[in-house]
PDB file of N, CA and C in Angstrom:
ATOM      1  N   MET A   1     -15.834  47.248   6.716  1.00  0.00           N
ATOM      2  CA  MET A   1     -16.704  46.156   6.303  1.00  0.00           C
ATOM      3  C   MET A   1     -17.700  45.903   7.428  1.00  0.00           C
ATOM      4  N   GLY A   2     -18.960  45.864   7.066  1.00  0.00           N
ATOM      5  CA  GLY A   2     -20.010  45.641   8.036  1.00  0.00           C
ATOM      6  C   GLY A   2     -20.283  44.167   8.264  1.00  0.00           C
ATOM      7  N   ARG A   3     -20.981  43.899   9.339  1.00  0.00           N
ATOM      8  CA  ARG A   3     -21.374  42.519   9.627  1.00  0.00           C
ATOM      9  C   ARG A   3     -22.269  42.031   8.499  1.00  0.00           C
ATOM     10  N   GLY A   4     -21.990  40.873   7.967  1.00  0.00           N
ATOM     11  CA  GLY A   4     -22.790  40.326   6.882  1.00  0.00           C
ATOM     12  C   GLY A   4     -22.290  40.688   5.497  1.00  0.00           C
ATOM     13  N   ASP A   5     -21.283  41.575   5.395  1.00  0.00           N
ATOM     14  CA  ASP A   5     -20.724  41.917   4.083  1.00  0.00           C
ATOM     15  C   ASP A   5     -19.912  40.741   3.540  1.00  0.00           C
ATOM     16  N   LEU A   6     -19.730  40.720   2.233  1.00  0.00           N
ATOM     17  CA  LEU A   6     -18.938  39.674   1.609  1.00  0.00           C
ATOM     18  C   LEU A   6     -17.492  39.733   2.090  1.00  0.00           C
ATOM     19  N   THR A   7     -16.925  38.575   2.354  1.00  0.00           N
ATOM     20  CA  THR A   7     -15.504  38.521   2.684  1.00  0.00           C
ATOM     21  C   THR A   7     -14.704  38.640   1.394  1.00  0.00           C
ATOM     22  N   SER A   8     -13.419  38.870   1.511  1.00  0.00           N
ATOM     23  CA  SER A   8     -12.565  38.961   0.316  1.00  0.00           C
ATOM     24  C   SER A   8     -12.586  37.654  -0.467  1.00  0.00           C
ATOM     25  N   GLU A   9     -12.623  36.537   0.226  1.00  0.00           N
ATOM     26  CA  GLU A   9     -12.676  35.238  -0.441  1.00  0.00           C
ATOM     27  C   GLU A   9     -13.997  35.071  -1.199  1.00  0.00           C
ATOM     28  N   GLN A  10     -15.109  35.440  -0.576  1.00  0.00           N
ATOM     29  CA  GLN A  10     -16.414  35.344  -1.257  1.00  0.00           C
ATOM     30  C   GLN A  10     -16.451  36.259  -2.476  1.00  0.00           C
ATOM     31  N   TRP A  11     -15.926  37.465  -2.320  1.00  0.00           N
ATOM     32  CA  TRP A  11     -15.937  38.416  -3.430  1.00  0.00           C
ATOM     33  C   TRP A  11     -15.077  37.916  -4.581  1.00  0.00           C
ATOM     34  N   ALA A  12     -13.934  37.295  -4.280  1.00  0.00           N
ATOM     35  CA  ALA A  12     -13.057  36.769  -5.330  1.00  0.00           C
ATOM     36  C   ALA A  12     -13.760  35.691  -6.151  1.00  0.00           C
ATOM     37  N   ARG A  13     -14.651  34.945  -5.519  1.00  0.00           N
ATOM     38  CA  ARG A  13     -15.402  33.914  -6.249  1.00  0.00           C
ATOM     39  C   ARG A  13     -16.555  34.505  -7.048  1.00  0.00           C
ATOM     40  N   LEU A  14     -17.164  35.565  -6.527  1.00  0.00           N
ATOM     41  CA  LEU A  14     -18.346  36.149  -7.162  1.00  0.00           C
ATOM     42  C   LEU A  14     -18.000  37.122  -8.296  1.00  0.00           C
ATOM     43  N   GLU A  15     -16.988  37.930  -8.120  1.00  0.00           N
ATOM     44  CA  GLU A  15     -16.684  39.013  -9.070  1.00  0.00           C
ATOM     45  C   GLU A  15     -16.564  38.558 -10.528  1.00  0.00           C
ATOM     46  N   PRO A  16     -15.881  37.437 -10.822  1.00  0.00           N
ATOM     47  CA  PRO A  16     -15.774  37.034 -12.236  1.00  0.00           C
ATOM     48  C   PRO A  16     -17.115  36.662 -12.878  1.00  0.00           C
ATOM     49  N   LEU A  17     -18.122  36.403 -12.073  1.00  0.00           N
ATOM     50  CA  LEU A  17     -19.435  36.004 -12.593  1.00  0.00           C
ATOM     51  C   LEU A  17     -20.320  37.194 -12.950  1.00  0.00           C
ATOM     52  N   LEU A  18     -19.932  38.404 -12.526  1.00  0.00           N
ATOM     53  CA  LEU A  18     -20.743  39.591 -12.757  1.00  0.00           C
ATOM     54  C   LEU A  18     -20.500  40.169 -14.149  1.00  0.00           C
ATOM     55  N   PRO A  19     -21.532  40.768 -14.741  1.00  0.00           N
ATOM     56  CA  PRO A  19     -21.363  41.349 -16.077  1.00  0.00           C
ATOM     57  C   PRO A  19     -20.475  42.596 -16.039  1.00  0.00           C
ATOM     58  N   VAL A  20     -19.845  42.878 -17.175  1.00  0.00           N
ATOM     59  CA  VAL A  20     -19.030  44.080 -17.325  1.00  0.00           C
ATOM     60  C   VAL A  20     -19.967  45.233 -17.648  1.00  0.00           C
ATOM     61  N   GLY A  21     -19.645  46.423 -17.172  1.00  0.00           N
ATOM     62  CA  GLY A  21     -20.483  47.592 -17.428  1.00  0.00           C
ATOM     63  C   GLY A  21     -20.619  47.911 -18.902  1.00  0.00           C
ATOM     64  N   LYS A  22     -21.660  48.649 -19.242  1.00  0.00           N
ATOM     65  CA  LYS A  22     -21.912  49.012 -20.638  1.00  0.00           C
ATOM     66  C   LYS A  22     -20.914  50.030 -21.161  1.00  0.00           C
ATOM     67  N   LYS A  23     -20.361  50.841 -20.243  1.00  0.00           N
ATOM     68  CA  LYS A  23     -19.406  51.870 -20.629  1.00  0.00           C
ATOM     69  C   LYS A  23     -18.114  51.663 -19.836  1.00  0.00           C
ATOM     70  N   PRO A  24     -17.257  50.737 -20.289  1.00  0.00           N
ATOM     71  CA  PRO A  24     -16.055  50.432 -19.522  1.00  0.00           C
ATOM     72  C   PRO A  24     -15.098  51.611 -19.380  1.00  0.00           C
ATOM     73  N   GLU A  25     -15.168  52.582 -20.279  1.00  0.00           N
ATOM     74  CA  GLU A  25     -14.280  53.747 -20.181  1.00  0.00           C
ATOM     75  C   GLU A  25     -14.703  54.701 -19.071  1.00  0.00           C
ATOM     76  N   ARG A  26     -15.939  54.564 -18.594  1.00  0.00           N
ATOM     77  CA  ARG A  26     -16.436  55.410 -17.510  1.00  0.00           C
ATOM     78  C   ARG A  26     -16.618  54.565 -16.249  1.00  0.00           C
ATOM     79  N   PRO A  27     -15.750  54.742 -15.256  1.00  0.00           N
ATOM     80  CA  PRO A  27     -15.870  53.907 -14.059  1.00  0.00           C
ATOM     81  C   PRO A  27     -17.129  54.239 -13.260  1.00  0.00           C
ATOM     82  N   PRO A  28     -17.723  53.237 -12.614  1.00  0.00           N
ATOM     83  CA  PRO A  28     -18.927  53.487 -11.810  1.00  0.00           C
ATOM     84  C   PRO A  28     -18.589  54.290 -10.555  1.00  0.00           C
ATOM     85  N   ILE A  29     -19.586  54.979 -10.033  1.00  0.00           N
ATOM     86  CA  ILE A  29     -19.400  55.762  -8.812  1.00  0.00           C
ATOM     87  C   ILE A  29     -19.209  54.837  -7.616  1.00  0.00           C
ATOM     88  N   ARG A  30     -19.995  53.808  -7.535  1.00  0.00           N
ATOM     89  CA  ARG A  30     -19.911  52.826  -6.452  1.00  0.00           C
ATOM     90  C   ARG A  30     -19.421  51.505  -7.030  1.00  0.00           C
ATOM     91  N   SER A  31     -18.663  50.765  -6.236  1.00  0.00           N
ATOM     92  CA  SER A  31     -18.184  49.467  -6.706  1.00  0.00           C
ATOM     93  C   SER A  31     -19.327  48.454  -6.687  1.00  0.00           C
ATOM     94  N   LYS A  32     -19.174  47.427  -7.492  1.00  0.00           N
ATOM     95  CA  LYS A  32     -20.177  46.365  -7.509  1.00  0.00           C
ATOM     96  C   LYS A  32     -20.237  45.668  -6.155  1.00  0.00           C
ATOM     97  N   ARG A  33     -19.099  45.610  -5.484  1.00  0.00           N
ATOM     98  CA  ARG A  33     -19.069  44.978  -4.168  1.00  0.00           C
ATOM     99  C   ARG A  33     -19.934  45.757  -3.182  1.00  0.00           C
ATOM    100  N   GLN A  34     -19.856  47.088  -3.213  1.00  0.00           N
ATOM    101  CA  GLN A  34     -20.701  47.907  -2.342  1.00  0.00           C
ATOM    102  C   GLN A  34     -22.170  47.680  -2.671  1.00  0.00           C
ATOM    103  N   LEU A  35     -22.484  47.656  -3.957  1.00  0.00           N
ATOM    104  CA  LEU A  35     -23.865  47.464  -4.392  1.00  0.00           C
ATOM    105  C   LEU A  35     -24.400  46.111  -3.911  1.00  0.00           C
ATOM    106  N   ILE A  36     -23.629  45.065  -4.096  1.00  0.00           N
ATOM    107  CA  ILE A  36     -24.082  43.732  -3.689  1.00  0.00           C
ATOM    108  C   ILE A  36     -24.196  43.641  -2.171  1.00  0.00           C
ATOM    109  N   ASN A  37     -23.258  44.230  -1.452  1.00  0.00           N
ATOM    110  CA  ASN A  37     -23.359  44.227   0.009  1.00  0.00           C
ATOM    111  C   ASN A  37     -24.614  44.981   0.460  1.00  0.00           C
ATOM    112  N   GLY A  38     -24.954  46.067  -0.223  1.00  0.00           N
ATOM    113  CA  GLY A  38     -26.174  46.809   0.096  1.00  0.00           C
ATOM    114  C   GLY A  38     -27.432  45.995  -0.175  1.00  0.00           C
ATOM    115  N   ILE A  39     -27.437  45.281  -1.279  1.00  0.00           N
ATOM    116  CA  ILE A  39     -28.577  44.420  -1.610  1.00  0.00           C
ATOM    117  C   ILE A  39     -28.718  43.315  -0.567  1.00  0.00           C
ATOM    118  N   ARG A  40     -27.595  42.739  -0.183  1.00  0.00           N
ATOM    119  CA  ARG A  40     -27.614  41.687   0.841  1.00  0.00           C
ATOM    120  C   ARG A  40     -28.091  42.230   2.181  1.00  0.00           C
ATOM    121  N   TRP A  41     -27.672  43.464   2.529  1.00  0.00           N
ATOM    122  CA  TRP A  41     -28.115  44.076   3.780  1.00  0.00           C
ATOM    123  C   TRP A  41     -29.626  44.224   3.774  1.00  0.00           C
ATOM    124  N   ARG A  42     -30.157  44.738   2.657  1.00  0.00           N
ATOM    125  CA  ARG A  42     -31.603  44.948   2.571  1.00  0.00           C
ATOM    126  C   ARG A  42     -32.372  43.634   2.624  1.00  0.00           C
ATOM    127  N   ALA A  43     -31.861  42.615   1.940  1.00  0.00           N
ATOM    128  CA  ALA A  43     -32.524  41.307   1.960  1.00  0.00           C
ATOM    129  C   ALA A  43     -32.479  40.691   3.358  1.00  0.00           C
ATOM    130  N   ARG A  44     -31.381  40.875   4.061  1.00  0.00           N
ATOM    131  CA  ARG A  44     -31.214  40.311   5.408  1.00  0.00           C
ATOM    132  C   ARG A  44     -32.109  41.004   6.426  1.00  0.00           C
ATOM    133  N   THR A  45     -32.245  42.337   6.303  1.00  0.00           N
ATOM    134  CA  THR A  45     -33.006  43.091   7.304  1.00  0.00           C
ATOM    135  C   THR A  45     -34.475  43.250   6.951  1.00  0.00           C
ATOM    136  N   GLY A  46     -34.807  43.214   5.660  1.00  0.00           N
ATOM    137  CA  GLY A  46     -36.181  43.439   5.236  1.00  0.00           C
ATOM    138  C   GLY A  46     -36.577  44.912   5.262  1.00  0.00           C
ATOM    139  N   ALA A  47     -35.595  45.787   5.427  1.00  0.00           N
ATOM    140  CA  ALA A  47     -35.861  47.225   5.491  1.00  0.00           C
ATOM    141  C   ALA A  47     -36.159  47.789   4.100  1.00  0.00           C
ATOM    142  N   PRO A  48     -36.818  48.945   4.032  1.00  0.00           N
ATOM    143  CA  PRO A  48     -37.040  49.589   2.734  1.00  0.00           C
ATOM    144  C   PRO A  48     -35.712  50.039   2.121  1.00  0.00           C
ATOM    145  N   TRP A  49     -35.704  50.206   0.798  1.00  0.00           N
ATOM    146  CA  TRP A  49     -34.488  50.650   0.102  1.00  0.00           C
ATOM    147  C   TRP A  49     -33.959  51.956   0.690  1.00  0.00           C
ATOM    148  N   ARG A  50     -34.852  52.847   1.071  1.00  0.00           N
ATOM    149  CA  ARG A  50     -34.424  54.154   1.599  1.00  0.00           C
ATOM    150  C   ARG A  50     -33.621  54.035   2.888  1.00  0.00           C
ATOM    151  N   ASP A  51     -33.715  52.911   3.574  1.00  0.00           N
ATOM    152  CA  ASP A  51     -33.005  52.723   4.835  1.00  0.00           C
ATOM    153  C   ASP A  51     -31.657  52.025   4.692  1.00  0.00           C
ATOM    154  N   VAL A  52     -31.252  51.711   3.459  1.00  0.00           N
ATOM    155  CA  VAL A  52     -29.943  51.087   3.253  1.00  0.00           C
ATOM    156  C   VAL A  52     -28.866  52.066   3.723  1.00  0.00           C
ATOM    157  N   PRO A  53     -27.907  51.616   4.564  1.00  0.00           N
ATOM    158  CA  PRO A  53     -26.882  52.523   5.075  1.00  0.00           C
ATOM    159  C   PRO A  53     -26.088  53.212   3.960  1.00  0.00           C
ATOM    160  N   ALA A  54     -25.663  54.432   4.234  1.00  0.00           N
ATOM    161  CA  ALA A  54     -24.954  55.250   3.244  1.00  0.00           C
ATOM    162  C   ALA A  54     -23.653  54.610   2.780  1.00  0.00           C
ATOM    163  N   ARG A  55     -23.050  53.744   3.589  1.00  0.00           N
ATOM    164  CA  ARG A  55     -21.778  53.132   3.177  1.00  0.00           C
ATOM    165  C   ARG A  55     -21.941  52.254   1.936  1.00  0.00           C
ATOM    166  N   TYR A  56     -23.189  51.869   1.621  1.00  0.00           N
ATOM    167  CA  TYR A  56     -23.451  51.066   0.430  1.00  0.00           C
ATOM    168  C   TYR A  56     -23.849  51.920  -0.772  1.00  0.00           C
ATOM    169  N   GLY A  57     -24.039  53.190  -0.579  1.00  0.00           N
ATOM    170  CA  GLY A  57     -24.446  54.080  -1.654  1.00  0.00           C
ATOM    171  C   GLY A  57     -25.821  54.660  -1.379  1.00  0.00           C
ATOM    172  N   GLU A  58     -26.188  55.639  -2.180  1.00  0.00           N
ATOM    173  CA  GLU A  58     -27.503  56.259  -2.025  1.00  0.00           C
ATOM    174  C   GLU A  58     -28.577  55.251  -2.428  1.00  0.00           C
ATOM    175  N   TRP A  59     -29.724  55.317  -1.779  1.00  0.00           N
ATOM    176  CA  TRP A  59     -30.772  54.336  -2.045  1.00  0.00           C
ATOM    177  C   TRP A  59     -31.249  54.388  -3.488  1.00  0.00           C
ATOM    178  N   GLU A  60     -31.147  55.555  -4.139  1.00  0.00           N
ATOM    179  CA  GLU A  60     -31.563  55.653  -5.545  1.00  0.00           C
ATOM    180  C   GLU A  60     -30.693  54.771  -6.442  1.00  0.00           C
ATOM    181  N   THR A  61     -29.453  54.511  -6.015  1.00  0.00           N
ATOM    182  CA  THR A  61     -28.566  53.631  -6.775  1.00  0.00           C
ATOM    183  C   THR A  61     -29.188  52.255  -6.911  1.00  0.00           C
ATOM    184  N   PHE A  62     -29.792  51.768  -5.832  1.00  0.00           N
ATOM    185  CA  PHE A  62     -30.377  50.434  -5.850  1.00  0.00           C
ATOM    186  C   PHE A  62     -31.655  50.395  -6.665  1.00  0.00           C
ATOM    187  N   THR A  63     -32.513  51.388  -6.494  1.00  0.00           N
ATOM    188  CA  THR A  63     -33.756  51.382  -7.262  1.00  0.00           C
ATOM    189  C   THR A  63     -33.459  51.631  -8.733  1.00  0.00           C
ATOM    190  N   GLY A  64     -32.400  52.367  -9.041  1.00  0.00           N
ATOM    191  CA  GLY A  64     -31.989  52.562 -10.435  1.00  0.00           C
ATOM    192  C   GLY A  64     -31.502  51.265 -11.054  1.00  0.00           C
ATOM    193  N   SER A  65     -30.881  50.417 -10.236  1.00  0.00           N
ATOM    194  CA  SER A  65     -30.385  49.132 -10.722  1.00  0.00           C
ATOM    195  C   SER A  65     -31.506  48.131 -10.927  1.00  0.00           C
ATOM    196  N   PHE A  66     -32.609  48.297 -10.190  1.00  0.00           N
ATOM    197  CA  PHE A  66     -33.686  47.321 -10.226  1.00  0.00           C
ATOM    198  C   PHE A  66     -34.984  47.844 -10.810  1.00  0.00           C
ATOM    199  N   GLY A  67     -35.008  49.010 -11.386  1.00  0.00           N
ATOM    200  CA  GLY A  67     -36.253  49.558 -11.892  1.00  0.00           C
ATOM    201  C   GLY A  67     -36.960  50.346 -10.809  1.00  0.00           C
ATOM    202  N   ALA A  68     -38.187  50.675 -11.028  1.00  0.00           N
ATOM    203  CA  ALA A  68     -38.910  51.566 -10.120  1.00  0.00           C
ATOM    204  C   ALA A  68     -39.351  50.900  -8.828  1.00  0.00           C
ATOM    205  N   GLY A  69     -39.489  49.591  -8.812  1.00  0.00           N
ATOM    206  CA  GLY A  69     -40.007  48.916  -7.627  1.00  0.00           C
ATOM    207  C   GLY A  69     -38.922  48.493  -6.664  1.00  0.00           C
ATOM    208  N   SER A  70     -39.320  47.687  -5.694  1.00  0.00           N
ATOM    209  CA  SER A  70     -38.360  47.218  -4.700  1.00  0.00           C
ATOM    210  C   SER A  70     -37.797  45.858  -5.067  1.00  0.00           C
ATOM    211  N   ALA A  71     -38.157  45.357  -6.246  1.00  0.00           N
ATOM    212  CA  ALA A  71     -37.651  44.071  -6.700  1.00  0.00           C
ATOM    213  C   ALA A  71     -37.096  44.241  -8.112  1.00  0.00           C
ATOM    214  N   PRO A  72     -36.277  43.292  -8.561  1.00  0.00           N
ATOM    215  CA  PRO A  72     -35.770  43.383  -9.924  1.00  0.00           C
ATOM    216  C   PRO A  72     -36.913  43.515 -10.934  1.00  0.00           C
ATOM    217  N   SER A  73     -36.655  44.194 -12.035  1.00  0.00           N
ATOM    218  CA  SER A  73     -37.690  44.451 -13.041  1.00  0.00           C
ATOM    219  C   SER A  73     -38.431  43.180 -13.406  1.00  0.00           C
ATOM    220  N   GLY A  74     -39.731  43.260 -13.400  1.00  0.00           N
ATOM    221  CA  GLY A  74     -40.564  42.142 -13.787  1.00  0.00           C
ATOM    222  C   GLY A  74     -40.944  41.222 -12.638  1.00  0.00           C
ATOM    223  N   VAL A  75     -40.197  41.243 -11.557  1.00  0.00           N
ATOM    224  CA  VAL A  75     -40.506  40.361 -10.436  1.00  0.00           C
ATOM    225  C   VAL A  75     -41.743  40.889  -9.714  1.00  0.00           C
ATOM    226  N   GLY A  76     -42.682  40.048  -9.497  1.00  0.00           N
ATOM    227  CA  GLY A  76     -43.894  40.432  -8.789  1.00  0.00           C
ATOM    228  C   GLY A  76     -44.930  41.122  -9.654  1.00  0.00           C
ATOM    229  N   SER A  77     -44.640  41.296 -10.941  1.00  0.00           N
ATOM    230  CA  SER A  77     -45.593  42.007 -11.788  1.00  0.00           C
ATOM    231  C   SER A  77     -46.505  41.068 -12.574  1.00  0.00           C
ATOM    232  N   SER A  78     -46.182  39.780 -12.605  1.00  0.00           N
ATOM    233  CA  SER A  78     -47.036  38.878 -13.354  1.00  0.00           C
ATOM    234  C   SER A  78     -48.287  38.555 -12.542  1.00  0.00           C
ATOM    235  N   PRO A  79     -49.383  38.244 -13.208  1.00  0.00           N
ATOM    236  CA  PRO A  79     -50.627  37.962 -12.485  1.00  0.00           C
ATOM    237  C   PRO A  79     -50.491  36.828 -11.473  1.00  0.00           C
ATOM    238  N   SER A  80     -49.634  35.856 -11.747  1.00  0.00           N
ATOM    239  CA  SER A  80     -49.497  34.727 -10.819  1.00  0.00           C
ATOM    240  C   SER A  80     -48.817  35.135  -9.514  1.00  0.00           C
ATOM    241  N   CYS A  81     -48.162  36.296  -9.488  1.00  0.00           N
ATOM    242  CA  CYS A  81     -47.478  36.760  -8.278  1.00  0.00           C
ATOM    243  C   CYS A  81     -48.359  37.673  -7.433  1.00  0.00           C
ATOM    244  N   ARG A  82     -49.466  38.099  -7.978  1.00  0.00           N
ATOM    245  CA  ARG A  82     -50.338  39.013  -7.248  1.00  0.00           C
ATOM    246  C   ARG A  82     -51.253  38.230  -6.314  1.00  0.00           C
ATOM    247  N   PRO A  83     -51.618  38.812  -5.179  1.00  0.00           N
ATOM    248  CA  PRO A  83     -52.544  38.113  -4.283  1.00  0.00           C
ATOM    249  C   PRO A  83     -53.903  37.937  -4.950  1.00  0.00           C
ATOM    250  N   ARG A  84     -54.503  36.819  -4.672  1.00  0.00           N
ATOM    251  CA  ARG A  84     -55.828  36.558  -5.241  1.00  0.00           C
ATOM    252  C   ARG A  84     -56.883  37.251  -4.414  1.00  0.00           C
ATOM    253  N   PRO A  85     -57.912  37.798  -5.047  1.00  0.00           N
ATOM    254  CA  PRO A  85     -58.995  38.434  -4.279  1.00  0.00           C
ATOM    255  C   PRO A  85     -59.766  37.366  -3.505  1.00  0.00           C
ATOM    256  N   THR A  86     -60.233  37.745  -2.354  1.00  0.00           N
ATOM    257  CA  THR A  86     -61.010  36.791  -1.560  1.00  0.00           C
ATOM    258  C   THR A  86     -62.427  36.698  -2.124  1.00  0.00           C
ATOM    259  N   ARG A  87     -62.968  35.511  -2.079  1.00  0.00           N
ATOM    260  CA  ARG A  87     -64.312  35.287  -2.605  1.00  0.00           C
ATOM    261  C   ARG A  87     -65.293  35.353  -1.457  1.00  0.00           C
ATOM    262  N   ARG A  88     -66.396  35.986  -1.699  1.00  0.00           N
ATOM    263  CA  ARG A  88     -67.451  36.070  -0.684  1.00  0.00           C
ATOM    264  C   ARG A  88     -68.462  34.969  -0.949  1.00  0.00           C
ATOM    265  N   ALA A  89     -68.898  34.332   0.109  1.00  0.00           N
ATOM    266  CA  ALA A  89     -69.860  33.230  -0.034  1.00  0.00           C
ATOM    267  C   ALA A  89     -71.271  33.726  -0.198  1.00  0.00           C
TER     268      ALA A  89
END
C-alpha cells in the first residue's frame, strides 16, 4: 500500500457505494480499489495518466474508464468550461 492509498477502513465504507460490473461472471483484471487508488494518486500529484505507477494498473485502464480525455466523459467539454477568448481593444 502506497502513501495516500485508501486504508482498509476507508475502503470498507466506500466499496458498497460502487456500482457492480456489467459482466459479474467475468472478474476484472484490476480491483476497484487499485483503480480508485490510482485515480487518487493522479489527482494528488497532478501527473499525466501515463505516469500513474504500475501498481495501480496500466494507464490505459484509467483512460478506458474515463473516455478519451484526462477527465470523466463530458467533463470540460461544455462551452462554459472552455477558456474564453481574449478581446482586443
